[in-house]
């Protein structure tokens, strides 16, 4: 039997993005793996963790999804910085940013249906 996370497009897209990101950041130069790669990876994991936590609670669901939204914004910032520092090519950036836009739309739709 499939759980809510495996059926939801936001979890599938986020998981796919995280796998892509981990493969991408492992190719960063050594000095950037402890700086830029760490920031990108930590934000991606934190974002996913907020999504998971939000499925396990009723009282704090909206609060957790709003925290996920902030983490997604950080992820976009770090991705943009990695492209500016030439750690991410233009085509990689377009792919990643497009995925994050899609995830952001899914998250926004989810937040809208949660009562305040």
PDB file of N, CA and C in Angstrom:
ATOM      1  N   UNK A   1       0.837  -1.183   0.000  1.00  0.00           N
ATOM      2  CA  UNK A   1       0.000   0.000   0.000  1.00  0.00           C
ATOM      3  C   UNK A   1       0.883   1.247   0.000  1.00  0.00           C
ATOM      4  N   UNK A   2       0.558   2.201  -0.844  1.00  0.00           N
ATOM      5  CA  UNK A   2       1.369   3.412  -0.968  1.00  0.00           C
ATOM      6  C   UNK A   2       0.948   4.426   0.085  1.00  0.00           C
ATOM      7  N   UNK A   3       1.930   5.130   0.652  1.00  0.00           N
ATOM      8  CA  UNK A   3       1.601   6.164   1.627  1.00  0.00           C
ATOM      9  C   UNK A   3       1.406   7.500   0.924  1.00  0.00           C
ATOM     10  N   UNK A   4       0.983   8.496   1.707  1.00  0.00           N
ATOM     11  CA  UNK A   4       0.688   9.827   1.156  1.00  0.00           C
ATOM     12  C   UNK A   4       1.899  10.423   0.436  1.00  0.00           C
ATOM     13  N   UNK A   5       3.091  10.228   1.006  1.00  0.00           N
ATOM     14  CA  UNK A   5       4.294  10.825   0.415  1.00  0.00           C
ATOM     15  C   UNK A   5       4.608  10.227  -0.951  1.00  0.00           C
ATOM     16  N   UNK A   6       4.449   8.930  -1.089  1.00  0.00           N
ATOM     17  CA  UNK A   6       4.803   8.309  -2.369  1.00  0.00           C
ATOM     18  C   UNK A   6       3.775   8.622  -3.458  1.00  0.00           C
ATOM     19  N   UNK A   7       2.574   9.043  -3.073  1.00  0.00           N
ATOM     20  CA  UNK A   7       1.542   9.364  -4.053  1.00  0.00           C
ATOM     21  C   UNK A   7       1.565  10.832  -4.458  1.00  0.00           C
ATOM     22  N   UNK A   8       2.140  11.685  -3.648  1.00  0.00           N
ATOM     23  CA  UNK A   8       2.087  13.125  -3.871  1.00  0.00           C
ATOM     24  C   UNK A   8       3.182  13.586  -4.828  1.00  0.00           C
ATOM     25  N   UNK A   9       2.820  14.380  -5.836  1.00  0.00           N
ATOM     26  CA  UNK A   9       3.823  14.871  -6.786  1.00  0.00           C
ATOM     27  C   UNK A   9       4.930  15.704  -6.129  1.00  0.00           C
ATOM     28  N   UNK A  10       4.618  16.446  -5.068  1.00  0.00           N
ATOM     29  CA  UNK A  10       5.652  17.278  -4.445  1.00  0.00           C
ATOM     30  C   UNK A  10       6.753  16.411  -3.838  1.00  0.00           C
ATOM     31  N   UNK A  11       6.389  15.270  -3.270  1.00  0.00           N
ATOM     32  CA  UNK A  11       7.399  14.381  -2.697  1.00  0.00           C
ATOM     33  C   UNK A  11       8.223  13.713  -3.797  1.00  0.00           C
ATOM     34  N   UNK A  12       7.573  13.306  -4.869  1.00  0.00           N
ATOM     35  CA  UNK A  12       8.285  12.673  -5.984  1.00  0.00           C
ATOM     36  C   UNK A  12       9.250  13.654  -6.643  1.00  0.00           C
ATOM     37  N   UNK A  13       8.783  14.869  -6.937  1.00  0.00           N
ATOM     38  CA  UNK A  13       9.639  15.868  -7.591  1.00  0.00           C
ATOM     39  C   UNK A  13      10.796  16.281  -6.680  1.00  0.00           C
ATOM     40  N   UNK A  14      10.515  16.430  -5.385  1.00  0.00           N
ATOM     41  CA  UNK A  14      11.568  16.814  -4.443  1.00  0.00           C
ATOM     42  C   UNK A  14      12.612  15.713  -4.328  1.00  0.00           C
ATOM     43  N   UNK A  15      12.167  14.489  -4.250  1.00  0.00           N
ATOM     44  CA  UNK A  15      13.093  13.360  -4.169  1.00  0.00           C
ATOM     45  C   UNK A  15      13.968  13.284  -5.421  1.00  0.00           C
ATOM     46  N   UNK A  16      13.364  13.427  -6.587  1.00  0.00           N
ATOM     47  CA  UNK A  16      14.131  13.424  -7.839  1.00  0.00           C
ATOM     48  C   UNK A  16      15.149  14.562  -7.855  1.00  0.00           C
ATOM     49  N   UNK A  17      14.722  15.743  -7.412  1.00  0.00           N
ATOM     50  CA  UNK A  17      15.628  16.891  -7.379  1.00  0.00           C
ATOM     51  C   UNK A  17      16.791  16.630  -6.430  1.00  0.00           C
ATOM     52  N   UNK A  18      16.501  16.061  -5.271  1.00  0.00           N
ATOM     53  CA  UNK A  18      17.561  15.805  -4.295  1.00  0.00           C
ATOM     54  C   UNK A  18      18.596  14.825  -4.837  1.00  0.00           C
ATOM     55  N   UNK A  19      18.136  13.795  -5.523  1.00  0.00           N
ATOM     56  CA  UNK A  19      19.084  12.846  -6.121  1.00  0.00           C
ATOM     57  C   UNK A  19      19.951  13.541  -7.168  1.00  0.00           C
ATOM     58  N   UNK A  20      19.327  14.369  -8.001  1.00  0.00           N
ATOM     59  CA  UNK A  20      20.084  15.133  -8.991  1.00  0.00           C
ATOM     60  C   UNK A  20      21.090  16.044  -8.286  1.00  0.00           C
ATOM     61  N   UNK A  21      20.648  16.742  -7.247  1.00  0.00           N
ATOM     62  CA  UNK A  21      21.505  17.682  -6.530  1.00  0.00           C
ATOM     63  C   UNK A  21      22.703  16.980  -5.896  1.00  0.00           C
ATOM     64  N   UNK A  22      22.481  15.839  -5.264  1.00  0.00           N
ATOM     65  CA  UNK A  22      23.584  15.106  -4.641  1.00  0.00           C
ATOM     66  C   UNK A  22      24.610  14.672  -5.686  1.00  0.00           C
ATOM     67  N   UNK A  23      24.136  14.200  -6.831  1.00  0.00           N
ATOM     68  CA  UNK A  23      25.060  13.834  -7.914  1.00  0.00           C
ATOM     69  C   UNK A  23      25.810  15.059  -8.433  1.00  0.00           C
ATOM     70  N   UNK A  24      25.120  16.181  -8.487  1.00  0.00           N
ATOM     71  CA  UNK A  24      25.723  17.421  -8.983  1.00  0.00           C
ATOM     72  C   UNK A  24      26.770  17.965  -8.008  1.00  0.00           C
ATOM     73  N   UNK A  25      26.431  18.050  -6.734  1.00  0.00           N
ATOM     74  CA  UNK A  25      27.344  18.677  -5.767  1.00  0.00           C
ATOM     75  C   UNK A  25      28.568  17.817  -5.462  1.00  0.00           C
ATOM     76  N   UNK A  26      28.482  16.527  -5.684  1.00  0.00           N
ATOM     77  CA  UNK A  26      29.670  15.703  -5.433  1.00  0.00           C
ATOM     78  C   UNK A  26      30.780  15.992  -6.451  1.00  0.00           C
ATOM     79  N   UNK A  27      30.434  16.693  -7.527  1.00  0.00           N
ATOM     80  CA  UNK A  27      31.429  17.064  -8.537  1.00  0.00           C
ATOM     81  C   UNK A  27      32.021  18.451  -8.283  1.00  0.00           C
ATOM     82  N   UNK A  28      31.543  19.133  -7.249  1.00  0.00           N
ATOM     83  CA  UNK A  28      32.100  20.450  -6.914  1.00  0.00           C
ATOM     84  C   UNK A  28      33.562  20.284  -6.495  1.00  0.00           C
ATOM     85  N   UNK A  29      34.376  21.314  -6.723  1.00  0.00           N
ATOM     86  CA  UNK A  29      35.754  21.264  -6.218  1.00  0.00           C
ATOM     87  C   UNK A  29      35.746  21.060  -4.700  1.00  0.00           C
ATOM     88  N   UNK A  30      36.793  20.449  -4.198  1.00  0.00           N
ATOM     89  CA  UNK A  30      36.857  20.095  -2.778  1.00  0.00           C
ATOM     90  C   UNK A  30      36.570  21.282  -1.858  1.00  0.00           C
ATOM     91  N   UNK A  31      37.149  22.436  -2.146  1.00  0.00           N
ATOM     92  CA  UNK A  31      36.945  23.591  -1.267  1.00  0.00           C
ATOM     93  C   UNK A  31      35.494  24.071  -1.269  1.00  0.00           C
ATOM     94  N   UNK A  32      34.751  23.801  -2.331  1.00  0.00           N
ATOM     95  CA  UNK A  32      33.348  24.223  -2.401  1.00  0.00           C
ATOM     96  C   UNK A  32      32.392  23.174  -1.832  1.00  0.00           C
ATOM     97  N   UNK A  33      32.866  21.950  -1.655  1.00  0.00           N
ATOM     98  CA  UNK A  33      32.002  20.913  -1.091  1.00  0.00           C
ATOM     99  C   UNK A  33      31.648  21.207   0.359  1.00  0.00           C
ATOM    100  N   UNK A  34      32.539  21.897   1.048  1.00  0.00           N
ATOM    101  CA  UNK A  34      32.291  22.203   2.458  1.00  0.00           C
ATOM    102  C   UNK A  34      31.645  23.566   2.635  1.00  0.00           C
ATOM    103  N   UNK A  35      31.422  24.231   1.545  1.00  0.00           N
ATOM    104  CA  UNK A  35      30.821  25.557   1.606  1.00  0.00           C
ATOM    105  C   UNK A  35      29.505  25.550   0.830  1.00  0.00           C
ATOM    106  N   UNK A  36      29.574  25.656  -0.459  1.00  0.00           N
ATOM    107  CA  UNK A  36      28.368  25.779  -1.278  1.00  0.00           C
ATOM    108  C   UNK A  36      27.584  24.463  -1.351  1.00  0.00           C
ATOM    109  N   UNK A  37      28.263  23.354  -1.547  1.00  0.00           N
ATOM    110  CA  UNK A  37      27.564  22.067  -1.635  1.00  0.00           C
ATOM    111  C   UNK A  37      26.834  21.761  -0.332  1.00  0.00           C
ATOM    112  N   UNK A  38      27.483  22.036   0.779  1.00  0.00           N
ATOM    113  CA  UNK A  38      26.855  21.784   2.084  1.00  0.00           C
ATOM    114  C   UNK A  38      25.587  22.608   2.250  1.00  0.00           C
ATOM    115  N   UNK A  39      25.651  23.882   1.874  1.00  0.00           N
ATOM    116  CA  UNK A  39      24.462  24.747   1.987  1.00  0.00           C
ATOM    117  C   UNK A  39      23.314  24.214   1.125  1.00  0.00           C
ATOM    118  N   UNK A  40      23.623  23.875  -0.109  1.00  0.00           N
ATOM    119  CA  UNK A  40      22.598  23.354  -1.019  1.00  0.00           C
ATOM    120  C   UNK A  40      21.976  22.067  -0.477  1.00  0.00           C
ATOM    121  N   UNK A  41      22.829  21.147  -0.084  1.00  0.00           N
ATOM    122  CA  UNK A  41      22.346  19.855   0.396  1.00  0.00           C
ATOM    123  C   UNK A  41      21.558  19.997   1.692  1.00  0.00           C
ATOM    124  N   UNK A  42      22.079  20.791   2.632  1.00  0.00           N
ATOM    125  CA  UNK A  42      21.380  20.983   3.910  1.00  0.00           C
ATOM    126  C   UNK A  42      19.997  21.591   3.698  1.00  0.00           C
ATOM    127  N   UNK A  43      19.898  22.577   2.813  1.00  0.00           N
ATOM    128  CA  UNK A  43      18.596  23.204   2.548  1.00  0.00           C
ATOM    129  C   UNK A  43      17.634  22.221   1.896  1.00  0.00           C
ATOM    130  N   UNK A  44      18.132  21.423   0.982  1.00  0.00           N
ATOM    131  CA  UNK A  44      17.273  20.437   0.318  1.00  0.00           C
ATOM    132  C   UNK A  44      16.743  19.415   1.330  1.00  0.00           C
ATOM    133  N   UNK A  45      17.623  18.917   2.182  1.00  0.00           N
ATOM    134  CA  UNK A  45      17.189  17.944   3.187  1.00  0.00           C
ATOM    135  C   UNK A  45      16.221  18.568   4.187  1.00  0.00           C
ATOM    136  N   UNK A  46      16.512  19.790   4.610  1.00  0.00           N
ATOM    137  CA  UNK A  46      15.632  20.476   5.558  1.00  0.00           C
ATOM    138  C   UNK A  46      14.248  20.685   4.940  1.00  0.00           C
ATOM    139  N   UNK A  47      14.219  21.103   3.684  1.00  0.00           N
ATOM    140  CA  UNK A  47      12.955  21.290   2.970  1.00  0.00           C
ATOM    141  C   UNK A  47      12.146  19.994   2.986  1.00  0.00           C
ATOM    142  N   UNK A  48      12.790  18.902   2.614  1.00  0.00           N
ATOM    143  CA  UNK A  48      12.101  17.609   2.556  1.00  0.00           C
ATOM    144  C   UNK A  48      11.615  17.178   3.937  1.00  0.00           C
ATOM    145  N   UNK A  49      12.437  17.428   4.955  1.00  0.00           N
ATOM    146  CA  UNK A  49      12.055  17.077   6.324  1.00  0.00           C
ATOM    147  C   UNK A  49      10.821  17.855   6.775  1.00  0.00           C
ATOM    148  N   UNK A  50      10.735  19.141   6.422  1.00  0.00           N
ATOM    149  CA  UNK A  50       9.544  19.921   6.762  1.00  0.00           C
ATOM    150  C   UNK A  50       8.304  19.339   6.086  1.00  0.00           C
ATOM    151  N   UNK A  51       8.456  18.899   4.844  1.00  0.00           N
ATOM    152  CA  UNK A  51       7.323  18.280   4.147  1.00  0.00           C
ATOM    153  C   UNK A  51       6.867  17.017   4.874  1.00  0.00           C
ATOM    154  N   UNK A  52       7.822  16.186   5.245  1.00  0.00           N
ATOM    155  CA  UNK A  52       7.488  14.940   5.950  1.00  0.00           C
ATOM    156  C   UNK A  52       6.808  15.247   7.279  1.00  0.00           C
ATOM    157  N   UNK A  53       7.387  16.167   8.052  1.00  0.00           N
ATOM    158  CA  UNK A  53       6.805  16.525   9.346  1.00  0.00           C
ATOM    159  C   UNK A  53       5.378  17.038   9.185  1.00  0.00           C
ATOM    160  N   UNK A  54       5.131  17.779   8.130  1.00  0.00           N
ATOM    161  CA  UNK A  54       3.791  18.346   7.934  1.00  0.00           C
ATOM    162  C   UNK A  54       2.737  17.268   7.687  1.00  0.00           C
ATOM    163  N   UNK A  55       3.151  16.104   7.214  1.00  0.00           N
ATOM    164  CA  UNK A  55       2.187  15.019   6.999  1.00  0.00           C
ATOM    165  C   UNK A  55       1.877  14.274   8.293  1.00  0.00           C
ATOM    166  N   UNK A  56       2.662  14.531   9.324  1.00  0.00           N
ATOM    167  CA  UNK A  56       2.508  13.815  10.592  1.00  0.00           C
ATOM    168  C   UNK A  56       1.793  14.615  11.674  1.00  0.00           C
ATOM    169  N   UNK A  57       1.357  15.822  11.345  1.00  0.00           N
ATOM    170  CA  UNK A  57       0.707  16.666  12.343  1.00  0.00           C
ATOM    171  C   UNK A  57      -0.495  17.369  11.737  1.00  0.00           C
ATOM    172  N   UNK A  58      -1.433  17.701  12.568  1.00  0.00           N
ATOM    173  CA  UNK A  58      -2.584  18.484  12.107  1.00  0.00           C
ATOM    174  C   UNK A  58      -2.478  19.918  12.600  1.00  0.00           C
ATOM    175  N   UNK A  59      -1.973  20.092  13.813  1.00  0.00           N
ATOM    176  CA  UNK A  59      -1.943  21.417  14.428  1.00  0.00           C
ATOM    177  C   UNK A  59      -0.916  22.349  13.794  1.00  0.00           C
ATOM    178  N   UNK A  60       0.243  21.839  13.469  1.00  0.00           N
ATOM    179  CA  UNK A  60       1.337  22.691  12.988  1.00  0.00           C
ATOM    180  C   UNK A  60       1.582  22.567  11.489  1.00  0.00           C
ATOM    181  N   UNK A  61       0.684  21.953  10.769  1.00  0.00           N
ATOM    182  CA  UNK A  61       0.893  21.680   9.340  1.00  0.00           C
ATOM    183  C   UNK A  61       1.232  22.948   8.553  1.00  0.00           C
ATOM    184  N   UNK A  62       0.416  23.990   8.703  1.00  0.00           N
ATOM    185  CA  UNK A  62       0.643  25.233   7.960  1.00  0.00           C
ATOM    186  C   UNK A  62       1.984  25.858   8.337  1.00  0.00           C
ATOM    187  N   UNK A  63       2.297  25.873   9.619  1.00  0.00           N
ATOM    188  CA  UNK A  63       3.563  26.439  10.097  1.00  0.00           C
ATOM    189  C   UNK A  63       4.751  25.701   9.476  1.00  0.00           C
ATOM    190  N   UNK A  64       4.679  24.390   9.431  1.00  0.00           N
ATOM    191  CA  UNK A  64       5.763  23.596   8.848  1.00  0.00           C
ATOM    192  C   UNK A  64       5.885  23.831   7.345  1.00  0.00           C
ATOM    193  N   UNK A  65       4.754  23.966   6.669  1.00  0.00           N
ATOM    194  CA  UNK A  65       4.796  24.222   5.228  1.00  0.00           C
ATOM    195  C   UNK A  65       5.359  25.610   4.934  1.00  0.00           C
ATOM    196  N   UNK A  66       5.070  26.575   5.797  1.00  0.00           N
ATOM    197  CA  UNK A  66       5.653  27.912   5.623  1.00  0.00           C
ATOM    198  C   UNK A  66       7.164  27.879   5.863  1.00  0.00           C
ATOM    199  N   UNK A  67       7.610  27.054   6.805  1.00  0.00           N
ATOM    200  CA  UNK A  67       9.057  26.881   7.019  1.00  0.00           C
ATOM    201  C   UNK A  67       9.691  26.217   5.794  1.00  0.00           C
ATOM    202  N   UNK A  68       8.978  25.269   5.212  1.00  0.00           N
ATOM    203  CA  UNK A  68       9.466  24.624   3.988  1.00  0.00           C
ATOM    204  C   UNK A  68       9.606  25.651   2.872  1.00  0.00           C
ATOM    205  N   UNK A  69       8.656  26.584   2.797  1.00  0.00           N
ATOM    206  CA  UNK A  69       8.699  27.633   1.780  1.00  0.00           C
ATOM    207  C   UNK A  69       9.938  28.518   1.951  1.00  0.00           C
ATOM    208  N   UNK A  70      10.264  28.852   3.183  1.00  0.00           N
ATOM    209  CA  UNK A  70      11.473  29.649   3.456  1.00  0.00           C
ATOM    210  C   UNK A  70      12.714  28.861   3.040  1.00  0.00           C
ATOM    211  N   UNK A  71      12.736  27.581   3.352  1.00  0.00           N
ATOM    212  CA  UNK A  71      13.888  26.742   2.995  1.00  0.00           C
ATOM    213  C   UNK A  71      14.020  26.626   1.484  1.00  0.00           C
ATOM    214  N   UNK A  72      12.897  26.560   0.785  1.00  0.00           N
ATOM    215  CA  UNK A  72      12.918  26.509  -0.678  1.00  0.00           C
ATOM    216  C   UNK A  72      13.514  27.795  -1.247  1.00  0.00           C
ATOM    217  N   UNK A  73      13.189  28.915  -0.644  1.00  0.00           N
ATOM    218  CA  UNK A  73      13.752  30.201  -1.087  1.00  0.00           C
ATOM    219  C   UNK A  73      15.268  30.228  -0.874  1.00  0.00           C
ATOM    220  N   UNK A  74      15.736  29.694   0.243  1.00  0.00           N
ATOM    221  CA  UNK A  74      17.185  29.596   0.493  1.00  0.00           C
ATOM    222  C   UNK A  74      17.843  28.718  -0.567  1.00  0.00           C
ATOM    223  N   UNK A  75      17.192  27.615  -0.880  1.00  0.00           N
ATOM    224  CA  UNK A  75      17.720  26.698  -1.887  1.00  0.00           C
ATOM    225  C   UNK A  75      17.866  27.394  -3.235  1.00  0.00           C
ATOM    226  N   UNK A  76      16.873  28.189  -3.609  1.00  0.00           N
ATOM    227  CA  UNK A  76      16.964  28.957  -4.865  1.00  0.00           C
ATOM    228  C   UNK A  76      18.146  29.926  -4.826  1.00  0.00           C
ATOM    229  N   UNK A  77      18.325  30.594  -3.698  1.00  0.00           N
ATOM    230  CA  UNK A  77      19.440  31.537  -3.539  1.00  0.00           C
ATOM    231  C   UNK A  77      20.780  30.824  -3.690  1.00  0.00           C
ATOM    232  N   UNK A  78      20.960  29.714  -2.984  1.00  0.00           N
ATOM    233  CA  UNK A  78      22.228  28.981  -3.048  1.00  0.00           C
ATOM    234  C   UNK A  78      22.481  28.434  -4.450  1.00  0.00           C
ATOM    235  N   UNK A  79      21.433  28.004  -5.110  1.00  0.00           N
ATOM    236  CA  UNK A  79      21.569  27.515  -6.479  1.00  0.00           C
ATOM    237  C   UNK A  79      22.029  28.637  -7.406  1.00  0.00           C
ATOM    238  N   UNK A  80      21.418  29.805  -7.261  1.00  0.00           N
ATOM    239  CA  UNK A  80      21.804  30.968  -8.069  1.00  0.00           C
ATOM    240  C   UNK A  80      23.273  31.336  -7.804  1.00  0.00           C
ATOM    241  N   UNK A  81      23.672  31.298  -6.543  1.00  0.00           N
ATOM    242  CA  UNK A  81      25.067  31.603  -6.199  1.00  0.00           C
ATOM    243  C   UNK A  81      26.024  30.567  -6.796  1.00  0.00           C
ATOM    244  N   UNK A  82      25.621  29.305  -6.804  1.00  0.00           N
ATOM    245  CA  UNK A  82      26.496  28.272  -7.378  1.00  0.00           C
ATOM    246  C   UNK A  82      26.661  28.475  -8.879  1.00  0.00           C
ATOM    247  N   UNK A  83      25.622  28.993  -9.526  1.00  0.00           N
ATOM    248  CA  UNK A  83      25.725  29.286 -10.955  1.00  0.00           C
ATOM    249  C   UNK A  83      26.617  30.504 -11.184  1.00  0.00           C
ATOM    250  N   UNK A  84      26.476  31.517 -10.341  1.00  0.00           N
ATOM    251  CA  UNK A  84      27.302  32.716 -10.462  1.00  0.00           C
ATOM    252  C   UNK A  84      28.776  32.405 -10.208  1.00  0.00           C
ATOM    253  N   UNK A  85      29.038  31.419  -9.360  1.00  0.00           N
ATOM    254  CA  UNK A  85      30.422  31.023  -9.064  1.00  0.00           C
ATOM    255  C   UNK A  85      30.931  29.972 -10.057  1.00  0.00           C
ATOM    256  N   UNK A  86      30.138  29.693 -11.081  1.00  0.00           N
ATOM    257  CA  UNK A  86      30.505  28.758 -12.156  1.00  0.00           C
ATOM    258  C   UNK A  86      30.643  27.308 -11.665  1.00  0.00           C
ATOM    259  N   UNK A  87      29.917  26.979 -10.601  1.00  0.00           N
ATOM    260  CA  UNK A  87      29.885  25.605 -10.108  1.00  0.00           C
ATOM    261  C   UNK A  87      28.738  24.833 -10.755  1.00  0.00           C
ATOM    262  N   UNK A  88      27.788  25.581 -11.287  1.00  0.00           N
ATOM    263  CA  UNK A  88      26.617  25.033 -11.960  1.00  0.00           C
ATOM    264  C   UNK A  88      26.531  25.687 -13.334  1.00  0.00           C
ATOM    265  N   UNK A  89      26.443  24.867 -14.370  1.00  0.00           N
ATOM    266  CA  UNK A  89      26.351  25.414 -15.728  1.00  0.00           C
ATOM    267  C   UNK A  89      24.980  26.064 -15.933  1.00  0.00           C
ATOM    268  N   UNK A  90      24.868  26.816 -17.010  1.00  0.00           N
ATOM    269  CA  UNK A  90      23.595  27.479 -17.311  1.00  0.00           C
ATOM    270  C   UNK A  90      22.479  26.456 -17.526  1.00  0.00           C
ATOM    271  N   UNK A  91      22.776  25.380 -18.246  1.00  0.00           N
ATOM    272  CA  UNK A  91      21.739  24.368 -18.498  1.00  0.00           C
ATOM    273  C   UNK A  91      21.366  23.623 -17.210  1.00  0.00           C
ATOM    274  N   UNK A  92      22.341  23.357 -16.355  1.00  0.00           N
ATOM    275  CA  UNK A  92      22.042  22.724 -15.069  1.00  0.00           C
ATOM    276  C   UNK A  92      21.186  23.647 -14.210  1.00  0.00           C
ATOM    277  N   UNK A  93      21.518  24.931 -14.233  1.00  0.00           N
ATOM    278  CA  UNK A  93      20.759  25.916 -13.465  1.00  0.00           C
ATOM    279  C   UNK A  93      19.319  25.989 -13.969  1.00  0.00           C
ATOM    280  N   UNK A  94      19.139  26.035 -15.282  1.00  0.00           N
ATOM    281  CA  UNK A  94      17.786  26.090 -15.854  1.00  0.00           C
ATOM    282  C   UNK A  94      16.962  24.874 -15.431  1.00  0.00           C
ATOM    283  N   UNK A  95      17.583  23.695 -15.502  1.00  0.00           N
ATOM    284  CA  UNK A  95      16.887  22.472 -15.092  1.00  0.00           C
ATOM    285  C   UNK A  95      16.504  22.539 -13.614  1.00  0.00           C
ATOM    286  N   UNK A  96      17.477  22.853 -12.768  1.00  0.00           N
ATOM    287  CA  UNK A  96      17.240  22.869 -11.322  1.00  0.00           C
ATOM    288  C   UNK A  96      16.233  23.942 -10.937  1.00  0.00           C
ATOM    289  N   UNK A  97      16.392  25.137 -11.506  1.00  0.00           N
ATOM    290  CA  UNK A  97      15.484  26.226 -11.169  1.00  0.00           C
ATOM    291  C   UNK A  97      14.058  25.899 -11.623  1.00  0.00           C
ATOM    292  N   UNK A  98      13.938  25.299 -12.805  1.00  0.00           N
ATOM    293  CA  UNK A  98      12.620  24.891 -13.294  1.00  0.00           C
ATOM    294  C   UNK A  98      11.961  23.876 -12.375  1.00  0.00           C
ATOM    295  N   UNK A  99      12.745  22.941 -11.882  1.00  0.00           N
ATOM    296  CA  UNK A  99      12.222  21.952 -10.942  1.00  0.00           C
ATOM    297  C   UNK A  99      11.773  22.624  -9.651  1.00  0.00           C
ATOM    298  N   UNK A 100      12.576  23.573  -9.157  1.00  0.00           N
ATOM    299  CA  UNK A 100      12.219  24.269  -7.917  1.00  0.00           C
ATOM    300  C   UNK A 100      10.982  25.149  -8.094  1.00  0.00           C
ATOM    301  N   UNK A 101      10.808  25.720  -9.274  1.00  0.00           N
ATOM    302  CA  UNK A 101       9.589  26.496  -9.547  1.00  0.00           C
ATOM    303  C   UNK A 101       8.375  25.565  -9.485  1.00  0.00           C
ATOM    304  N   UNK A 102       8.500  24.405 -10.104  1.00  0.00           N
ATOM    305  CA  UNK A 102       7.407  23.429 -10.082  1.00  0.00           C
ATOM    306  C   UNK A 102       7.089  22.991  -8.647  1.00  0.00           C
ATOM    307  N   UNK A 103       8.123  22.688  -7.873  1.00  0.00           N
ATOM    308  CA  UNK A 103       7.936  22.290  -6.476  1.00  0.00           C
ATOM    309  C   UNK A 103       7.304  23.434  -5.683  1.00  0.00           C
ATOM    310  N   UNK A 104       7.740  24.655  -5.954  1.00  0.00           N
ATOM    311  CA  UNK A 104       7.179  25.821  -5.278  1.00  0.00           C
ATOM    312  C   UNK A 104       5.691  25.996  -5.558  1.00  0.00           C
ATOM    313  N   UNK A 105       5.285  25.745  -6.789  1.00  0.00           N
ATOM    314  CA  UNK A 105       3.859  25.837  -7.140  1.00  0.00           C
ATOM    315  C   UNK A 105       3.052  24.764  -6.408  1.00  0.00           C
ATOM    316  N   UNK A 106       3.602  23.571  -6.344  1.00  0.00           N
ATOM    317  CA  UNK A 106       2.927  22.492  -5.616  1.00  0.00           C
ATOM    318  C   UNK A 106       2.806  22.840  -4.134  1.00  0.00           C
ATOM    319  N   UNK A 107       3.882  23.380  -3.573  1.00  0.00           N
ATOM    320  CA  UNK A 107       3.871  23.777  -2.166  1.00  0.00           C
ATOM    321  C   UNK A 107       2.863  24.899  -1.927  1.00  0.00           C
ATOM    322  N   UNK A 108       2.859  25.894  -2.788  1.00  0.00           N
ATOM    323  CA  UNK A 108       1.917  27.002  -2.660  1.00  0.00           C
ATOM    324  C   UNK A 108       0.472  26.538  -2.702  1.00  0.00           C
ATOM    325  N   UNK A 109       0.182  25.604  -3.591  1.00  0.00           N
ATOM    326  CA  UNK A 109      -1.176  25.049  -3.678  1.00  0.00           C
ATOM    327  C   UNK A 109      -1.546  24.312  -2.397  1.00  0.00           C
ATOM    328  N   UNK A 110      -0.587  23.601  -1.835  1.00  0.00           N
ATOM    329  CA  UNK A 110      -0.818  22.855  -0.598  1.00  0.00           C
ATOM    330  C   UNK A 110      -1.079  23.824   0.557  1.00  0.00           C
ATOM    331  N   UNK A 111      -0.274  24.872   0.647  1.00  0.00           N
ATOM    332  CA  UNK A 111      -0.438  25.858   1.721  1.00  0.00           C
ATOM    333  C   UNK A 111      -1.816  26.516   1.639  1.00  0.00           C
ATOM    334  N   UNK A 112      -2.265  26.805   0.427  1.00  0.00           N
ATOM    335  CA  UNK A 112      -3.558  27.492   0.246  1.00  0.00           C
ATOM    336  C   UNK A 112      -4.746  26.694   0.775  1.00  0.00           C
ATOM    337  N   UNK A 113      -4.654  25.382   0.742  1.00  0.00           N
ATOM    338  CA  UNK A 113      -5.801  24.581   1.192  1.00  0.00           C
ATOM    339  C   UNK A 113      -5.779  24.292   2.695  1.00  0.00           C
ATOM    340  N   UNK A 114      -4.701  24.679   3.374  1.00  0.00           N
ATOM    341  CA  UNK A 114      -4.601  24.468   4.823  1.00  0.00           C
ATOM    342  C   UNK A 114      -5.193  25.683   5.527  1.00  0.00           C
ATOM    343  N   UNK A 115      -6.180  25.480   6.397  1.00  0.00           N
ATOM    344  CA  UNK A 115      -6.756  26.630   7.110  1.00  0.00           C
ATOM    345  C   UNK A 115      -5.731  27.292   8.033  1.00  0.00           C
ATOM    346  N   UNK A 116      -5.877  28.610   8.190  1.00  0.00           N
ATOM    347  CA  UNK A 116      -4.921  29.356   9.028  1.00  0.00           C
ATOM    348  C   UNK A 116      -5.139  29.133  10.480  1.00  0.00           C
TER     349      UNK A 116
END
